[in-house]
Amino acid sequence: MPEPCKHLDQIKVRHTAKKGCEDCLTTGDTWVHLRLCLSCGHVGCCDSSKNKHATKHFHATTHPLVRSIEPGEDWIWCYVDNVMPGDLDH
């Protein structure tokens, strides 16, 4: 059984009004789904998107947690522990 995520105490941002991948908007590119960094509020595109900006943001910053900001989705992903520690309540 995998160890639980030890980074939930690092959540500083829970919501955003941003409606697009910040990096794709800068370059004029498109995305599939959006992920919110729970450390700093950066919005990046998912790994199904060709640019994978959310994962690139993790590698550049080591901010461990993202959440889906797709309608109806509240799940969290921890890049460090490689686990989905649960949903983020509104």
N, C-alpha and C. Protein backbone atom coordinates (compact mmCIF):
# COMPACT_ATOMS: atom_id res chain seq x y z
N MET A 1 0.85 -1.19 0.00
CA MET A 1 0.00 0.00 0.00
C MET A 1 0.89 1.25 0.00
N PRO A 2 0.64 2.20 -0.92
CA PRO A 2 1.51 3.39 -0.97
C PRO A 2 1.35 4.27 0.26
N GLU A 3 2.43 4.96 0.54
CA GLU A 3 2.39 5.91 1.65
C GLU A 3 1.45 7.06 1.29
N PRO A 4 0.74 7.61 2.27
CA PRO A 4 -0.13 8.75 1.97
C PRO A 4 0.69 10.00 1.66
N CYS A 5 0.05 10.93 1.01
CA CYS A 5 0.70 12.20 0.68
C CYS A 5 1.03 12.96 1.95
N LYS A 6 2.25 13.48 2.00
CA LYS A 6 2.70 14.24 3.17
C LYS A 6 2.76 15.74 2.88
N HIS A 7 2.08 16.18 1.82
CA HIS A 7 2.20 17.58 1.39
C HIS A 7 0.91 18.38 1.52
N LEU A 8 -0.15 17.78 2.05
CA LEU A 8 -1.42 18.48 2.12
C LEU A 8 -1.35 19.74 2.98
N ASP A 9 -0.39 19.80 3.89
CA ASP A 9 -0.23 21.00 4.73
C ASP A 9 0.38 22.17 3.96
N GLN A 10 0.77 21.95 2.71
CA GLN A 10 1.37 23.00 1.89
C GLN A 10 0.36 23.70 0.98
N ILE A 11 -0.91 23.35 1.10
CA ILE A 11 -1.94 23.99 0.26
C ILE A 11 -2.12 25.43 0.70
N LYS A 12 -1.88 26.34 -0.24
CA LYS A 12 -2.05 27.78 0.02
C LYS A 12 -3.15 28.37 -0.85
N VAL A 13 -3.41 27.76 -2.00
CA VAL A 13 -4.40 28.25 -2.97
C VAL A 13 -5.39 27.12 -3.21
N ARG A 14 -6.68 27.44 -3.13
CA ARG A 14 -7.70 26.40 -3.31
C ARG A 14 -8.57 26.62 -4.54
N HIS A 15 -8.66 27.87 -5.01
CA HIS A 15 -9.54 28.21 -6.13
C HIS A 15 -8.86 29.25 -7.00
N THR A 16 -9.37 29.40 -8.21
CA THR A 16 -8.88 30.42 -9.13
C THR A 16 -10.01 30.88 -10.03
N ALA A 17 -9.88 32.10 -10.50
CA ALA A 17 -10.82 32.61 -11.50
C ALA A 17 -10.23 32.47 -12.91
N LYS A 18 -8.99 32.00 -13.00
CA LYS A 18 -8.33 31.84 -14.29
C LYS A 18 -9.05 30.78 -15.12
N LYS A 19 -9.16 31.03 -16.42
CA LYS A 19 -9.94 30.15 -17.30
C LYS A 19 -9.09 29.49 -18.38
N GLY A 20 -7.76 29.57 -18.27
CA GLY A 20 -6.92 28.97 -19.30
C GLY A 20 -5.52 28.71 -18.78
N CYS A 21 -4.79 27.89 -19.53
CA CYS A 21 -3.39 27.61 -19.21
C CYS A 21 -2.59 28.90 -19.44
N GLU A 22 -1.94 29.38 -18.40
CA GLU A 22 -1.21 30.64 -18.49
C GLU A 22 -0.12 30.59 -19.56
N ASP A 23 0.58 29.49 -19.65
CA ASP A 23 1.67 29.37 -20.62
C ASP A 23 1.15 29.24 -22.05
N CYS A 24 0.08 28.47 -22.25
CA CYS A 24 -0.50 28.33 -23.58
C CYS A 24 -1.10 29.65 -24.06
N LEU A 25 -1.71 30.40 -23.15
CA LEU A 25 -2.26 31.69 -23.52
C LEU A 25 -1.15 32.64 -23.98
N THR A 26 0.01 32.55 -23.35
CA THR A 26 1.15 33.39 -23.72
C THR A 26 1.66 33.06 -25.11
N THR A 27 1.67 31.77 -25.45
CA THR A 27 2.22 31.35 -26.74
C THR A 27 1.16 31.19 -27.84
N GLY A 28 -0.11 31.36 -27.46
CA GLY A 28 -1.18 31.20 -28.44
C GLY A 28 -1.52 29.76 -28.74
N ASP A 29 -1.18 28.86 -27.83
CA ASP A 29 -1.43 27.43 -28.03
C ASP A 29 -2.73 27.01 -27.36
N THR A 30 -3.08 25.74 -27.47
CA THR A 30 -4.32 25.21 -26.91
C THR A 30 -4.01 24.14 -25.87
N TRP A 31 -5.02 23.78 -25.10
CA TRP A 31 -4.87 22.77 -24.04
C TRP A 31 -6.09 21.87 -24.03
N VAL A 32 -5.98 20.77 -23.27
CA VAL A 32 -7.08 19.81 -23.13
C VAL A 32 -7.81 20.05 -21.81
N HIS A 33 -7.08 19.93 -20.69
CA HIS A 33 -7.66 20.14 -19.36
C HIS A 33 -6.72 21.04 -18.55
N LEU A 34 -7.27 21.64 -17.49
CA LEU A 34 -6.50 22.59 -16.69
C LEU A 34 -6.24 22.07 -15.28
N ARG A 35 -5.06 22.40 -14.77
CA ARG A 35 -4.64 22.03 -13.42
C ARG A 35 -4.18 23.28 -12.67
N LEU A 36 -4.57 23.37 -11.41
CA LEU A 36 -4.22 24.50 -10.55
C LEU A 36 -3.15 24.09 -9.56
N CYS A 37 -2.03 24.81 -9.53
CA CYS A 37 -1.00 24.57 -8.52
C CYS A 37 -1.53 25.06 -7.19
N LEU A 38 -1.55 24.18 -6.19
CA LEU A 38 -2.10 24.53 -4.89
C LEU A 38 -1.10 25.27 -4.01
N SER A 39 0.12 25.46 -4.51
CA SER A 39 1.12 26.25 -3.78
C SER A 39 1.08 27.71 -4.18
N CYS A 40 0.98 27.99 -5.50
CA CYS A 40 1.12 29.38 -5.95
C CYS A 40 -0.02 29.87 -6.83
N GLY A 41 -0.93 28.98 -7.25
CA GLY A 41 -2.05 29.41 -8.06
C GLY A 41 -1.81 29.41 -9.56
N HIS A 42 -0.65 28.93 -10.01
CA HIS A 42 -0.38 28.84 -11.45
C HIS A 42 -1.35 27.85 -12.08
N VAL A 43 -1.91 28.20 -13.23
CA VAL A 43 -2.78 27.29 -13.97
C VAL A 43 -2.02 26.80 -15.19
N GLY A 44 -1.90 25.48 -15.29
CA GLY A 44 -1.20 24.86 -16.41
C GLY A 44 -2.06 23.78 -17.03
N CYS A 45 -1.65 23.34 -18.22
CA CYS A 45 -2.41 22.30 -18.92
C CYS A 45 -1.94 20.91 -18.46
N CYS A 46 -2.85 19.95 -18.63
CA CYS A 46 -2.63 18.58 -18.17
C CYS A 46 -1.66 17.82 -19.07
N ASP A 47 -1.34 16.60 -18.68
CA ASP A 47 -0.42 15.78 -19.45
C ASP A 47 -1.05 15.23 -20.73
N SER A 48 -2.36 15.35 -20.90
CA SER A 48 -2.99 14.99 -22.17
C SER A 48 -2.82 16.12 -23.19
N SER A 49 -2.46 17.30 -22.72
CA SER A 49 -2.18 18.43 -23.60
C SER A 49 -0.76 18.30 -24.12
N LYS A 50 -0.50 18.80 -25.33
CA LYS A 50 0.82 18.58 -25.92
C LYS A 50 1.94 19.27 -25.15
N ASN A 51 1.66 20.37 -24.46
CA ASN A 51 2.72 21.11 -23.76
C ASN A 51 2.94 20.68 -22.31
N LYS A 52 1.98 20.04 -21.69
CA LYS A 52 2.11 19.51 -20.32
C LYS A 52 2.66 20.57 -19.35
N HIS A 53 2.08 21.77 -19.39
CA HIS A 53 2.61 22.88 -18.59
C HIS A 53 2.46 22.68 -17.08
N ALA A 54 1.45 21.97 -16.62
CA ALA A 54 1.31 21.74 -15.18
C ALA A 54 2.49 20.90 -14.66
N THR A 55 2.85 19.85 -15.38
CA THR A 55 3.99 19.02 -14.98
C THR A 55 5.29 19.80 -15.12
N LYS A 56 5.43 20.59 -16.17
CA LYS A 56 6.63 21.42 -16.33
C LYS A 56 6.75 22.41 -15.18
N HIS A 57 5.62 22.96 -14.73
CA HIS A 57 5.63 23.87 -13.58
C HIS A 57 6.13 23.15 -12.33
N PHE A 58 5.68 21.92 -12.12
CA PHE A 58 6.18 21.14 -10.97
C PHE A 58 7.70 20.96 -11.06
N HIS A 59 8.21 20.57 -12.22
CA HIS A 59 9.65 20.35 -12.36
C HIS A 59 10.44 21.63 -12.16
N ALA A 60 9.88 22.77 -12.54
CA ALA A 60 10.58 24.05 -12.39
C ALA A 60 10.53 24.57 -10.95
N THR A 61 9.45 24.24 -10.21
CA THR A 61 9.24 24.84 -8.89
C THR A 61 9.27 23.85 -7.74
N THR A 62 9.07 22.59 -8.00
CA THR A 62 8.87 21.51 -7.01
C THR A 62 7.62 21.72 -6.15
N HIS A 63 6.66 22.53 -6.61
CA HIS A 63 5.38 22.64 -5.90
C HIS A 63 4.67 21.30 -6.07
N PRO A 64 4.36 20.60 -4.97
CA PRO A 64 3.96 19.19 -5.07
C PRO A 64 2.53 18.91 -5.52
N LEU A 65 1.59 19.81 -5.25
CA LEU A 65 0.18 19.47 -5.44
C LEU A 65 -0.51 20.29 -6.52
N VAL A 66 -1.32 19.62 -7.34
CA VAL A 66 -2.21 20.28 -8.27
C VAL A 66 -3.61 19.71 -8.07
N ARG A 67 -4.59 20.48 -8.51
CA ARG A 67 -5.95 19.96 -8.54
C ARG A 67 -6.52 20.23 -9.90
N SER A 68 -7.49 19.41 -10.27
CA SER A 68 -8.22 19.65 -11.50
C SER A 68 -9.14 20.84 -11.28
N ILE A 69 -9.21 21.73 -12.28
CA ILE A 69 -10.21 22.80 -12.20
C ILE A 69 -11.23 22.63 -13.33
N GLU A 70 -11.36 21.39 -13.77
CA GLU A 70 -12.40 21.07 -14.74
C GLU A 70 -13.75 21.02 -14.02
N PRO A 71 -14.83 21.42 -14.69
CA PRO A 71 -16.15 21.40 -14.05
C PRO A 71 -16.48 20.02 -13.49
N GLY A 72 -16.92 19.99 -12.24
CA GLY A 72 -17.32 18.75 -11.59
C GLY A 72 -16.18 17.91 -11.03
N GLU A 73 -14.94 18.39 -11.16
CA GLU A 73 -13.79 17.63 -10.66
C GLU A 73 -13.10 18.41 -9.53
N ASP A 74 -12.81 17.71 -8.44
CA ASP A 74 -12.15 18.32 -7.29
C ASP A 74 -10.91 17.56 -6.84
N TRP A 75 -10.47 16.58 -7.64
CA TRP A 75 -9.37 15.72 -7.19
C TRP A 75 -8.04 16.47 -7.16
N ILE A 76 -7.16 15.95 -6.32
CA ILE A 76 -5.80 16.48 -6.13
C ILE A 76 -4.81 15.41 -6.57
N TRP A 77 -3.67 15.84 -7.14
CA TRP A 77 -2.58 14.94 -7.49
C TRP A 77 -1.31 15.45 -6.83
N CYS A 78 -0.57 14.53 -6.21
CA CYS A 78 0.73 14.87 -5.62
C CYS A 78 1.82 14.31 -6.53
N TYR A 79 2.59 15.21 -7.14
CA TYR A 79 3.69 14.79 -8.02
C TYR A 79 4.80 14.09 -7.24
N VAL A 80 5.07 14.54 -6.03
CA VAL A 80 6.18 13.99 -5.26
C VAL A 80 5.90 12.56 -4.82
N ASP A 81 4.72 12.33 -4.25
CA ASP A 81 4.38 11.01 -3.74
C ASP A 81 3.70 10.13 -4.79
N ASN A 82 3.38 10.72 -5.98
CA ASN A 82 2.77 9.98 -7.06
C ASN A 82 1.48 9.31 -6.63
N VAL A 83 0.65 10.08 -5.91
CA VAL A 83 -0.63 9.58 -5.42
C VAL A 83 -1.71 10.64 -5.59
N MET A 84 -2.94 10.19 -5.57
CA MET A 84 -4.10 11.07 -5.57
C MET A 84 -4.66 11.05 -4.15
N PRO A 85 -4.29 12.04 -3.33
CA PRO A 85 -4.64 11.99 -1.91
C PRO A 85 -6.11 12.26 -1.60
N GLY A 86 -6.91 12.60 -2.60
CA GLY A 86 -8.34 12.81 -2.34
C GLY A 86 -8.88 13.99 -3.11
N ASP A 87 -10.06 14.42 -2.69
CA ASP A 87 -10.72 15.56 -3.30
C ASP A 87 -10.50 16.80 -2.43
N LEU A 88 -10.57 17.96 -3.05
CA LEU A 88 -10.47 19.21 -2.33
C LEU A 88 -11.87 19.77 -2.19
N ASP A 89 -12.32 19.89 -0.96
CA ASP A 89 -13.66 20.42 -0.73
C ASP A 89 -13.72 21.88 -1.15
N HIS A 90 -14.89 22.27 -1.62
CA HIS A 90 -15.09 23.67 -2.03
C HIS A 90 -14.96 24.50 -0.82
